[in-house]
Amino acid sequence: MSIVPQEPPAVDPDNVPETLCIGRFNLSVGPGPLATLTFTHVRNKTGPLIDNSQIEPESVVRARIVTTLENLAALKDLLNTVIQDPASPAASAGGASKMN
């Protein structure tokens, strides 16, 4: 009988807010076992909008998430499942891994 390590329960003591990221995104892998997902959101530059009433959009970085390649693969699997059957509840995926 093998013992599977159990993940601790998820908590949100800082009440982390959702961040709107409806823009381009990027994935940067390595070096090593980590990957960085960078998300952007298009919004208007404040100065020109207020000073000249001109609209000048820019893509603003709103979030960077660094995770392991193992968690990235788990995210891919989770997204594939949800995209194929949007009605199915999304289970949590990934988890802590041992860093070498």
PDB file of N, CA and C in Angstrom:
ATOM      1  N   MET A   1       0.855  -1.179   0.000  1.00  0.00           N
ATOM      2  CA  MET A   1       0.000   0.000   0.000  1.00  0.00           C
ATOM      3  C   MET A   1       0.895   1.235   0.000  1.00  0.00           C
ATOM      4  N   SER A   2       0.663   2.137  -0.959  1.00  0.00           N
ATOM      5  CA  SER A   2       1.456   3.360  -1.005  1.00  0.00           C
ATOM      6  C   SER A   2       0.681   4.511  -0.376  1.00  0.00           C
ATOM      7  N   ILE A   3       1.417   5.394   0.247  1.00  0.00           N
ATOM      8  CA  ILE A   3       0.807   6.552   0.892  1.00  0.00           C
ATOM      9  C   ILE A   3       0.965   7.743  -0.041  1.00  0.00           C
ATOM     10  N   VAL A   4      -0.158   8.349  -0.414  1.00  0.00           N
ATOM     11  CA  VAL A   4      -0.151   9.519  -1.286  1.00  0.00           C
ATOM     12  C   VAL A   4      -0.150  10.762  -0.400  1.00  0.00           C
ATOM     13  N   PRO A   5       0.844  11.660  -0.605  1.00  0.00           N
ATOM     14  CA  PRO A   5       0.849  12.869   0.226  1.00  0.00           C
ATOM     15  C   PRO A   5      -0.407  13.701  -0.029  1.00  0.00           C
ATOM     16  N   GLN A   6      -0.993  14.195   1.046  1.00  0.00           N
ATOM     17  CA  GLN A   6      -2.221  14.969   0.937  1.00  0.00           C
ATOM     18  C   GLN A   6      -1.889  16.453   0.938  1.00  0.00           C
ATOM     19  N   GLU A   7      -2.496  17.191   0.019  1.00  0.00           N
ATOM     20  CA  GLU A   7      -2.302  18.638  -0.042  1.00  0.00           C
ATOM     21  C   GLU A   7      -3.037  19.291   1.129  1.00  0.00           C
ATOM     22  N   PRO A   8      -2.467  20.333   1.709  1.00  0.00           N
ATOM     23  CA  PRO A   8      -3.190  21.061   2.757  1.00  0.00           C
ATOM     24  C   PRO A   8      -4.393  21.779   2.158  1.00  0.00           C
ATOM     25  N   PRO A   9      -5.383  22.125   2.978  1.00  0.00           N
ATOM     26  CA  PRO A   9      -6.557  22.828   2.450  1.00  0.00           C
ATOM     27  C   PRO A   9      -6.169  24.212   1.923  1.00  0.00           C
ATOM     28  N   ALA A  10      -6.898  24.682   0.912  1.00  0.00           N
ATOM     29  CA  ALA A  10      -6.646  26.012   0.345  1.00  0.00           C
ATOM     30  C   ALA A  10      -7.291  27.073   1.235  1.00  0.00           C
ATOM     31  N   VAL A  11      -6.563  28.141   1.489  1.00  0.00           N
ATOM     32  CA  VAL A  11      -7.080  29.277   2.260  1.00  0.00           C
ATOM     33  C   VAL A  11      -6.730  30.563   1.519  1.00  0.00           C
ATOM     34  N   ASP A  12      -7.422  31.630   1.817  1.00  0.00           N
ATOM     35  CA  ASP A  12      -7.190  32.929   1.188  1.00  0.00           C
ATOM     36  C   ASP A  12      -7.252  34.017   2.258  1.00  0.00           C
ATOM     37  N   PRO A  13      -6.287  34.027   3.197  1.00  0.00           N
ATOM     38  CA  PRO A  13      -6.355  34.973   4.320  1.00  0.00           C
ATOM     39  C   PRO A  13      -6.204  36.432   3.899  1.00  0.00           C
ATOM     40  N   ASP A  14      -5.564  36.682   2.760  1.00  0.00           N
ATOM     41  CA  ASP A  14      -5.375  38.066   2.303  1.00  0.00           C
ATOM     42  C   ASP A  14      -6.477  38.505   1.342  1.00  0.00           C
ATOM     43  N   ASN A  15      -7.440  37.616   1.076  1.00  0.00           N
ATOM     44  CA  ASN A  15      -8.540  37.919   0.175  1.00  0.00           C
ATOM     45  C   ASN A  15      -8.014  38.476  -1.147  1.00  0.00           C
ATOM     46  N   VAL A  16      -7.148  37.711  -1.810  1.00  0.00           N
ATOM     47  CA  VAL A  16      -6.512  38.138  -3.058  1.00  0.00           C
ATOM     48  C   VAL A  16      -7.597  38.409  -4.100  1.00  0.00           C
ATOM     49  N   PRO A  17      -7.603  39.610  -4.689  1.00  0.00           N
ATOM     50  CA  PRO A  17      -8.661  39.943  -5.652  1.00  0.00           C
ATOM     51  C   PRO A  17      -8.419  39.313  -7.019  1.00  0.00           C
ATOM     52  N   GLU A  18      -9.500  39.134  -7.764  1.00  0.00           N
ATOM     53  CA  GLU A  18      -9.367  38.715  -9.157  1.00  0.00           C
ATOM     54  C   GLU A  18      -8.776  39.889  -9.933  1.00  0.00           C
ATOM     55  N   THR A  19      -7.979  39.590 -10.943  1.00  0.00           N
ATOM     56  CA  THR A  19      -7.359  40.613 -11.767  1.00  0.00           C
ATOM     57  C   THR A  19      -7.773  40.388 -13.207  1.00  0.00           C
ATOM     58  N   LEU A  20      -8.347  41.411 -13.825  1.00  0.00           N
ATOM     59  CA  LEU A  20      -8.799  41.311 -15.200  1.00  0.00           C
ATOM     60  C   LEU A  20      -7.603  41.310 -16.141  1.00  0.00           C
ATOM     61  N   CYS A  21      -7.480  40.279 -16.950  1.00  0.00           N
ATOM     62  CA  CYS A  21      -6.364  40.129 -17.891  1.00  0.00           C
ATOM     63  C   CYS A  21      -6.915  39.703 -19.240  1.00  0.00           C
ATOM     64  N   ILE A  22      -7.550  40.642 -19.944  1.00  0.00           N
ATOM     65  CA  ILE A  22      -8.103  40.340 -21.257  1.00  0.00           C
ATOM     66  C   ILE A  22      -7.184  40.991 -22.285  1.00  0.00           C
ATOM     67  N   GLY A  23      -6.056  40.396 -22.481  1.00  0.00           N
ATOM     68  CA  GLY A  23      -5.061  40.896 -23.417  1.00  0.00           C
ATOM     69  C   GLY A  23      -4.121  39.770 -23.786  1.00  0.00           C
ATOM     70  N   ARG A  24      -3.000  40.155 -24.344  1.00  0.00           N
ATOM     71  CA  ARG A  24      -2.025  39.139 -24.733  1.00  0.00           C
ATOM     72  C   ARG A  24      -1.419  38.488 -23.496  1.00  0.00           C
ATOM     73  N   PHE A  25      -0.862  37.320 -23.694  1.00  0.00           N
ATOM     74  CA  PHE A  25      -0.135  36.651 -22.619  1.00  0.00           C
ATOM     75  C   PHE A  25       1.074  35.972 -23.221  1.00  0.00           C
ATOM     76  N   ASN A  26       1.993  35.589 -22.346  1.00  0.00           N
ATOM     77  CA  ASN A  26       3.244  34.991 -22.793  1.00  0.00           C
ATOM     78  C   ASN A  26       3.645  33.904 -21.816  1.00  0.00           C
ATOM     79  N   LEU A  27       4.344  32.912 -22.325  1.00  0.00           N
ATOM     80  CA  LEU A  27       4.898  31.858 -21.488  1.00  0.00           C
ATOM     81  C   LEU A  27       6.395  31.813 -21.729  1.00  0.00           C
ATOM     82  N   SER A  28       7.160  31.934 -20.664  1.00  0.00           N
ATOM     83  CA  SER A  28       8.612  31.851 -20.736  1.00  0.00           C
ATOM     84  C   SER A  28       9.053  30.665 -19.895  1.00  0.00           C
ATOM     85  N   VAL A  29       9.792  29.745 -20.511  1.00  0.00           N
ATOM     86  CA  VAL A  29      10.208  28.522 -19.823  1.00  0.00           C
ATOM     87  C   VAL A  29      11.701  28.550 -19.565  1.00  0.00           C
ATOM     88  N   GLY A  30      12.089  28.130 -18.344  1.00  0.00           N
ATOM     89  CA  GLY A  30      13.489  27.927 -17.987  1.00  0.00           C
ATOM     90  C   GLY A  30      14.248  29.204 -17.727  1.00  0.00           C
ATOM     91  N   PRO A  31      15.486  29.091 -17.397  1.00  0.00           N
ATOM     92  CA  PRO A  31      16.203  27.826 -17.244  1.00  0.00           C
ATOM     93  C   PRO A  31      15.733  27.093 -15.985  1.00  0.00           C
ATOM     94  N   GLY A  32      15.926  25.825 -15.997  1.00  0.00           N
ATOM     95  CA  GLY A  32      15.510  25.030 -14.845  1.00  0.00           C
ATOM     96  C   GLY A  32      14.067  24.583 -14.967  1.00  0.00           C
ATOM     97  N   PRO A  33      13.473  24.158 -13.847  1.00  0.00           N
ATOM     98  CA  PRO A  33      12.154  23.540 -13.874  1.00  0.00           C
ATOM     99  C   PRO A  33      10.996  24.529 -13.724  1.00  0.00           C
ATOM    100  N   LEU A  34      11.244  25.835 -13.944  1.00  0.00           N
ATOM    101  CA  LEU A  34      10.191  26.826 -13.733  1.00  0.00           C
ATOM    102  C   LEU A  34       9.752  27.473 -15.037  1.00  0.00           C
ATOM    103  N   ALA A  35       8.516  27.941 -15.048  1.00  0.00           N
ATOM    104  CA  ALA A  35       7.958  28.663 -16.186  1.00  0.00           C
ATOM    105  C   ALA A  35       7.234  29.893 -15.651  1.00  0.00           C
ATOM    106  N   THR A  36       7.239  30.978 -16.445  1.00  0.00           N
ATOM    107  CA  THR A  36       6.576  32.216 -16.053  1.00  0.00           C
ATOM    108  C   THR A  36       5.480  32.539 -17.056  1.00  0.00           C
ATOM    109  N   LEU A  37       4.251  32.642 -16.558  1.00  0.00           N
ATOM    110  CA  LEU A  37       3.120  33.092 -17.356  1.00  0.00           C
ATOM    111  C   LEU A  37       2.935  34.582 -17.079  1.00  0.00           C
ATOM    112  N   THR A  38       2.932  35.403 -18.138  1.00  0.00           N
ATOM    113  CA  THR A  38       2.736  36.840 -17.999  1.00  0.00           C
ATOM    114  C   THR A  38       1.435  37.209 -18.703  1.00  0.00           C
ATOM    115  N   PHE A  39       0.548  37.909 -18.000  1.00  0.00           N
ATOM    116  CA  PHE A  39      -0.745  38.302 -18.535  1.00  0.00           C
ATOM    117  C   PHE A  39      -0.841  39.816 -18.627  1.00  0.00           C
ATOM    118  N   THR A  40      -1.501  40.309 -19.692  1.00  0.00           N
ATOM    119  CA  THR A  40      -1.677  41.750 -19.866  1.00  0.00           C
ATOM    120  C   THR A  40      -3.160  42.099 -19.984  1.00  0.00           C
ATOM    121  N   HIS A  41      -3.418  43.392 -19.881  1.00  0.00           N
ATOM    122  CA  HIS A  41      -4.759  43.934 -20.086  1.00  0.00           C
ATOM    123  C   HIS A  41      -4.611  45.252 -20.834  1.00  0.00           C
ATOM    124  N   VAL A  42      -5.407  45.440 -21.880  1.00  0.00           N
ATOM    125  CA  VAL A  42      -5.347  46.680 -22.658  1.00  0.00           C
ATOM    126  C   VAL A  42      -6.161  47.749 -21.938  1.00  0.00           C
ATOM    127  N   ARG A  43      -5.525  48.900 -21.728  1.00  0.00           N
ATOM    128  CA  ARG A  43      -6.237  50.040 -21.154  1.00  0.00           C
ATOM    129  C   ARG A  43      -5.646  51.312 -21.748  1.00  0.00           C
ATOM    130  N   ASN A  44      -6.368  52.401 -21.583  1.00  0.00           N
ATOM    131  CA  ASN A  44      -5.928  53.669 -22.147  1.00  0.00           C
ATOM    132  C   ASN A  44      -4.878  54.318 -21.256  1.00  0.00           C
ATOM    133  N   LYS A  45      -3.877  54.945 -21.895  1.00  0.00           N
ATOM    134  CA  LYS A  45      -2.887  55.707 -21.138  1.00  0.00           C
ATOM    135  C   LYS A  45      -3.612  56.855 -20.441  1.00  0.00           C
ATOM    136  N   THR A  46      -3.293  57.072 -19.188  1.00  0.00           N
ATOM    137  CA  THR A  46      -3.996  58.069 -18.396  1.00  0.00           C
ATOM    138  C   THR A  46      -3.671  59.498 -18.823  1.00  0.00           C
ATOM    139  N   GLY A  47      -2.379  59.816 -18.998  1.00  0.00           N
ATOM    140  CA  GLY A  47      -1.971  61.190 -19.310  1.00  0.00           C
ATOM    141  C   GLY A  47      -2.655  61.759 -20.535  1.00  0.00           C
ATOM    142  N   PRO A  48      -2.506  61.133 -21.704  1.00  0.00           N
ATOM    143  CA  PRO A  48      -3.146  61.666 -22.905  1.00  0.00           C
ATOM    144  C   PRO A  48      -4.672  61.725 -22.797  1.00  0.00           C
ATOM    145  N   LEU A  49      -5.260  60.774 -22.092  1.00  0.00           N
ATOM    146  CA  LEU A  49      -6.711  60.739 -21.949  1.00  0.00           C
ATOM    147  C   LEU A  49      -7.199  61.967 -21.171  1.00  0.00           C
ATOM    148  N   ILE A  50      -6.499  62.317 -20.112  1.00  0.00           N
ATOM    149  CA  ILE A  50      -6.903  63.447 -19.281  1.00  0.00           C
ATOM    150  C   ILE A  50      -6.436  64.775 -19.881  1.00  0.00           C
ATOM    151  N   ASP A  51      -5.181  64.816 -20.333  1.00  0.00           N
ATOM    152  CA  ASP A  51      -4.602  66.069 -20.821  1.00  0.00           C
ATOM    153  C   ASP A  51      -5.143  66.495 -22.181  1.00  0.00           C
ATOM    154  N   ASN A  52      -5.281  65.577 -23.109  1.00  0.00           N
ATOM    155  CA  ASN A  52      -5.622  65.921 -24.492  1.00  0.00           C
ATOM    156  C   ASN A  52      -6.925  65.299 -24.961  1.00  0.00           C
ATOM    157  N   SER A  53      -7.573  64.536 -24.120  1.00  0.00           N
ATOM    158  CA  SER A  53      -8.765  63.775 -24.501  1.00  0.00           C
ATOM    159  C   SER A  53      -8.479  62.848 -25.679  1.00  0.00           C
ATOM    160  N   GLN A  54      -7.244  62.328 -25.740  1.00  0.00           N
ATOM    161  CA  GLN A  54      -6.875  61.376 -26.786  1.00  0.00           C
ATOM    162  C   GLN A  54      -6.833  59.979 -26.189  1.00  0.00           C
ATOM    163  N   ILE A  55      -7.279  59.034 -26.960  1.00  0.00           N
ATOM    164  CA  ILE A  55      -7.256  57.642 -26.519  1.00  0.00           C
ATOM    165  C   ILE A  55      -6.019  56.977 -27.107  1.00  0.00           C
ATOM    166  N   GLU A  56      -5.109  56.556 -26.208  1.00  0.00           N
ATOM    167  CA  GLU A  56      -3.899  55.842 -26.608  1.00  0.00           C
ATOM    168  C   GLU A  56      -3.825  54.555 -25.791  1.00  0.00           C
ATOM    169  N   PRO A  57      -4.279  53.448 -26.374  1.00  0.00           N
ATOM    170  CA  PRO A  57      -4.264  52.185 -25.627  1.00  0.00           C
ATOM    171  C   PRO A  57      -2.849  51.633 -25.459  1.00  0.00           C
ATOM    172  N   GLU A  58      -2.658  50.879 -24.382  1.00  0.00           N
ATOM    173  CA  GLU A  58      -1.402  50.175 -24.149  1.00  0.00           C
ATOM    174  C   GLU A  58      -1.711  48.861 -23.449  1.00  0.00           C
ATOM    175  N   SER A  59      -0.853  47.875 -23.668  1.00  0.00           N
ATOM    176  CA  SER A  59      -0.983  46.588 -22.985  1.00  0.00           C
ATOM    177  C   SER A  59      -0.174  46.661 -21.697  1.00  0.00           C
ATOM    178  N   VAL A  60      -0.863  46.575 -20.575  1.00  0.00           N
ATOM    179  CA  VAL A  60      -0.233  46.700 -19.266  1.00  0.00           C
ATOM    180  C   VAL A  60      -0.111  45.320 -18.632  1.00  0.00           C
ATOM    181  N   VAL A  61       1.083  44.979 -18.151  1.00  0.00           N
ATOM    182  CA  VAL A  61       1.263  43.704 -17.451  1.00  0.00           C
ATOM    183  C   VAL A  61       0.476  43.768 -16.147  1.00  0.00           C
ATOM    184  N   ARG A  62      -0.414  42.786 -15.956  1.00  0.00           N
ATOM    185  CA  ARG A  62      -1.269  42.751 -14.760  1.00  0.00           C
ATOM    186  C   ARG A  62      -0.918  41.618 -13.816  1.00  0.00           C
ATOM    187  N   ALA A  63      -0.273  40.559 -14.354  1.00  0.00           N
ATOM    188  CA  ALA A  63       0.063  39.429 -13.482  1.00  0.00           C
ATOM    189  C   ALA A  63       1.207  38.629 -14.086  1.00  0.00           C
ATOM    190  N   ARG A  64       2.079  38.154 -13.213  1.00  0.00           N
ATOM    191  CA  ARG A  64       3.125  37.195 -13.580  1.00  0.00           C
ATOM    192  C   ARG A  64       3.028  36.040 -12.594  1.00  0.00           C
ATOM    193  N   ILE A  65       2.903  34.855 -13.134  1.00  0.00           N
ATOM    194  CA  ILE A  65       2.784  33.674 -12.289  1.00  0.00           C
ATOM    195  C   ILE A  65       3.940  32.745 -12.625  1.00  0.00           C
ATOM    196  N   VAL A  66       4.731  32.418 -11.622  1.00  0.00           N
ATOM    197  CA  VAL A  66       5.851  31.496 -11.792  1.00  0.00           C
ATOM    198  C   VAL A  66       5.452  30.175 -11.152  1.00  0.00           C
ATOM    199  N   THR A  67       5.594  29.097 -11.921  1.00  0.00           N
ATOM    200  CA  THR A  67       5.221  27.779 -11.427  1.00  0.00           C
ATOM    201  C   THR A  67       6.155  26.735 -12.028  1.00  0.00           C
ATOM    202  N   THR A  68       6.015  25.523 -11.575  1.00  0.00           N
ATOM    203  CA  THR A  68       6.859  24.440 -12.096  1.00  0.00           C
ATOM    204  C   THR A  68       6.314  23.944 -13.426  1.00  0.00           C
ATOM    205  N   LEU A  69       7.174  23.282 -14.189  1.00  0.00           N
ATOM    206  CA  LEU A  69       6.725  22.673 -15.444  1.00  0.00           C
ATOM    207  C   LEU A  69       5.675  21.597 -15.166  1.00  0.00           C
ATOM    208  N   GLU A  70       5.803  20.917 -14.039  1.00  0.00           N
ATOM    209  CA  GLU A  70       4.822  19.900 -13.642  1.00  0.00           C
ATOM    210  C   GLU A  70       3.440  20.540 -13.444  1.00  0.00           C
ATOM    211  N   ASN A  71       3.404  21.682 -12.766  1.00  0.00           N
ATOM    212  CA  ASN A  71       2.126  22.373 -12.575  1.00  0.00           C
ATOM    213  C   ASN A  71       1.597  22.933 -13.893  1.00  0.00           C
ATOM    214  N   LEU A  72       2.486  23.351 -14.769  1.00  0.00           N
ATOM    215  CA  LEU A  72       2.077  23.853 -16.079  1.00  0.00           C
ATOM    216  C   LEU A  72       1.402  22.740 -16.885  1.00  0.00           C
ATOM    217  N   ALA A  73       1.948  21.539 -16.824  1.00  0.00           N
ATOM    218  CA  ALA A  73       1.335  20.389 -17.501  1.00  0.00           C
ATOM    219  C   ALA A  73      -0.029  20.079 -16.888  1.00  0.00           C
ATOM    220  N   ALA A  74      -0.150  20.180 -15.562  1.00  0.00           N
ATOM    221  CA  ALA A  74      -1.434  19.950 -14.892  1.00  0.00           C
ATOM    222  C   ALA A  74      -2.443  21.023 -15.308  1.00  0.00           C
ATOM    223  N   LEU A  75      -1.996  22.257 -15.469  1.00  0.00           N
ATOM    224  CA  LEU A  75      -2.871  23.341 -15.926  1.00  0.00           C
ATOM    225  C   LEU A  75      -3.355  23.060 -17.348  1.00  0.00           C
ATOM    226  N   LYS A  76      -2.459  22.597 -18.205  1.00  0.00           N
ATOM    227  CA  LYS A  76      -2.827  22.239 -19.584  1.00  0.00           C
ATOM    228  C   LYS A  76      -3.911  21.169 -19.577  1.00  0.00           C
ATOM    229  N   ASP A  77      -3.732  20.126 -18.770  1.00  0.00           N
ATOM    230  CA  ASP A  77      -4.716  19.047 -18.695  1.00  0.00           C
ATOM    231  C   ASP A  77      -6.065  19.571 -18.192  1.00  0.00           C
ATOM    232  N   LEU A  78      -6.026  20.430 -17.167  1.00  0.00           N
ATOM    233  CA  LEU A  78      -7.251  20.999 -16.613  1.00  0.00           C
ATOM    234  C   LEU A  78      -7.967  21.850 -17.659  1.00  0.00           C
ATOM    235  N   LEU A  79      -7.219  22.693 -18.379  1.00  0.00           N
ATOM    236  CA  LEU A  79      -7.816  23.533 -19.421  1.00  0.00           C
ATOM    237  C   LEU A  79      -8.412  22.690 -20.537  1.00  0.00           C
ATOM    238  N   ASN A  80      -7.708  21.646 -20.957  1.00  0.00           N
ATOM    239  CA  ASN A  80      -8.240  20.758 -21.998  1.00  0.00           C
ATOM    240  C   ASN A  80      -9.557  20.138 -21.560  1.00  0.00           C
ATOM    241  N   THR A  81      -9.638  19.707 -20.323  1.00  0.00           N
ATOM    242  CA  THR A  81     -10.863  19.100 -19.801  1.00  0.00           C
ATOM    243  C   THR A  81     -12.002  20.107 -19.785  1.00  0.00           C
ATOM    244  N   VAL A  82     -11.741  21.303 -19.291  1.00  0.00           N
ATOM    245  CA  VAL A  82     -12.791  22.316 -19.174  1.00  0.00           C
ATOM    246  C   VAL A  82     -13.237  22.808 -20.549  1.00  0.00           C
ATOM    247  N   ILE A  83     -12.310  22.967 -21.482  1.00  0.00           N
ATOM    248  CA  ILE A  83     -12.652  23.432 -22.825  1.00  0.00           C
ATOM    249  C   ILE A  83     -13.480  22.382 -23.563  1.00  0.00           C
ATOM    250  N   GLN A  84     -13.150  21.104 -23.382  1.00  0.00           N
ATOM    251  CA  GLN A  84     -13.893  20.034 -24.054  1.00  0.00           C
ATOM    252  C   GLN A  84     -15.294  19.868 -23.488  1.00  0.00           C
ATOM    253  N   ASP A  85     -15.462  20.119 -22.184  1.00  0.00           N
ATOM    254  CA  ASP A  85     -16.770  19.978 -21.545  1.00  0.00           C
ATOM    255  C   ASP A  85     -16.957  21.112 -20.541  1.00  0.00           C
ATOM    256  N   PRO A  86     -17.366  22.300 -21.029  1.00  0.00           N
ATOM    257  CA  PRO A  86     -17.505  23.465 -20.143  1.00  0.00           C
ATOM    258  C   PRO A  86     -18.486  23.261 -18.998  1.00  0.00           C
ATOM    259  N   ALA A  87     -19.413  22.327 -19.119  1.00  0.00           N
ATOM    260  CA  ALA A  87     -20.400  22.094 -18.066  1.00  0.00           C
ATOM    261  C   ALA A  87     -19.820  21.310 -16.889  1.00  0.00           C
ATOM    262  N   SER A  88     -18.702  20.622 -17.120  1.00  0.00           N
ATOM    263  CA  SER A  88     -18.134  19.822 -16.033  1.00  0.00           C
ATOM    264  C   SER A  88     -17.456  20.727 -15.021  1.00  0.00           C
ATOM    265  N   PRO A  89     -17.581  20.400 -13.743  1.00  0.00           N
ATOM    266  CA  PRO A  89     -16.918  21.213 -12.722  1.00  0.00           C
ATOM    267  C   PRO A  89     -15.398  21.083 -12.842  1.00  0.00           C
ATOM    268  N   ALA A  90     -14.703  22.191 -12.680  1.00  0.00           N
ATOM    269  CA  ALA A  90     -13.240  22.185 -12.783  1.00  0.00           C
ATOM    270  C   ALA A  90     -12.649  21.742 -11.451  1.00  0.00           C
ATOM    271  N   ALA A  91     -11.938  20.642 -11.491  1.00  0.00           N
ATOM    272  CA  ALA A  91     -11.267  20.149 -10.286  1.00  0.00           C
ATOM    273  C   ALA A  91      -9.935  20.868 -10.138  1.00  0.00           C
ATOM    274  N   SER A  92      -9.444  20.940  -8.922  1.00  0.00           N
ATOM    275  CA  SER A  92      -8.136  21.527  -8.743  1.00  0.00           C
ATOM    276  C   SER A  92      -7.093  20.568  -9.298  1.00  0.00           C
ATOM    277  N   ALA A  93      -5.956  21.133  -9.685  1.00  0.00           N
ATOM    278  CA  ALA A  93      -4.899  20.316 -10.298  1.00  0.00           C
ATOM    279  C   ALA A  93      -3.563  20.813  -9.818  1.00  0.00           C
ATOM    280  N   GLY A  94      -2.530  20.036 -10.099  1.00  0.00           N
ATOM    281  CA  GLY A  94      -1.174  20.449  -9.744  1.00  0.00           C
ATOM    282  C   GLY A  94      -0.950  20.299  -8.257  1.00  0.00           C
ATOM    283  N   GLY A  95       0.100  20.931  -7.810  1.00  0.00           N
ATOM    284  CA  GLY A  95       0.410  20.871  -6.399  1.00  0.00           C
ATOM    285  C   GLY A  95       1.886  21.043  -6.187  1.00  0.00           C
ATOM    286  N   ALA A  96       2.276  20.980  -4.956  1.00  0.00           N
ATOM    287  CA  ALA A  96       3.683  21.155  -4.603  1.00  0.00           C
ATOM    288  C   ALA A  96       4.507  20.044  -5.216  1.00  0.00           C
ATOM    289  N   SER A  97       5.703  20.387  -5.606  1.00  0.00           N
ATOM    290  CA  SER A  97       6.611  19.371  -6.118  1.00  0.00           C
ATOM    291  C   SER A  97       7.977  19.570  -5.483  1.00  0.00           C
ATOM    292  N   LYS A  98       8.759  18.534  -5.517  1.00  0.00           N
ATOM    293  CA  LYS A  98      10.090  18.584  -4.951  1.00  0.00           C
ATOM    294  C   LYS A  98      11.039  19.271  -5.922  1.00  0.00           C
ATOM    295  N   MET A  99      11.726  20.292  -5.481  1.00  0.00           N
ATOM    296  CA  MET A  99      12.695  20.988  -6.329  1.00  0.00           C
ATOM    297  C   MET A  99      14.056  20.323  -6.144  1.00  0.00           C
ATOM    298  N   ASN A 100      14.718  19.999  -7.238  1.00  0.00           N
ATOM    299  CA  ASN A 100      16.043  19.393  -7.166  1.00  0.00           C
ATOM    300  C   ASN A 100      17.112  20.459  -7.235  1.00  0.00           C
TER     301      ASN A 100
END
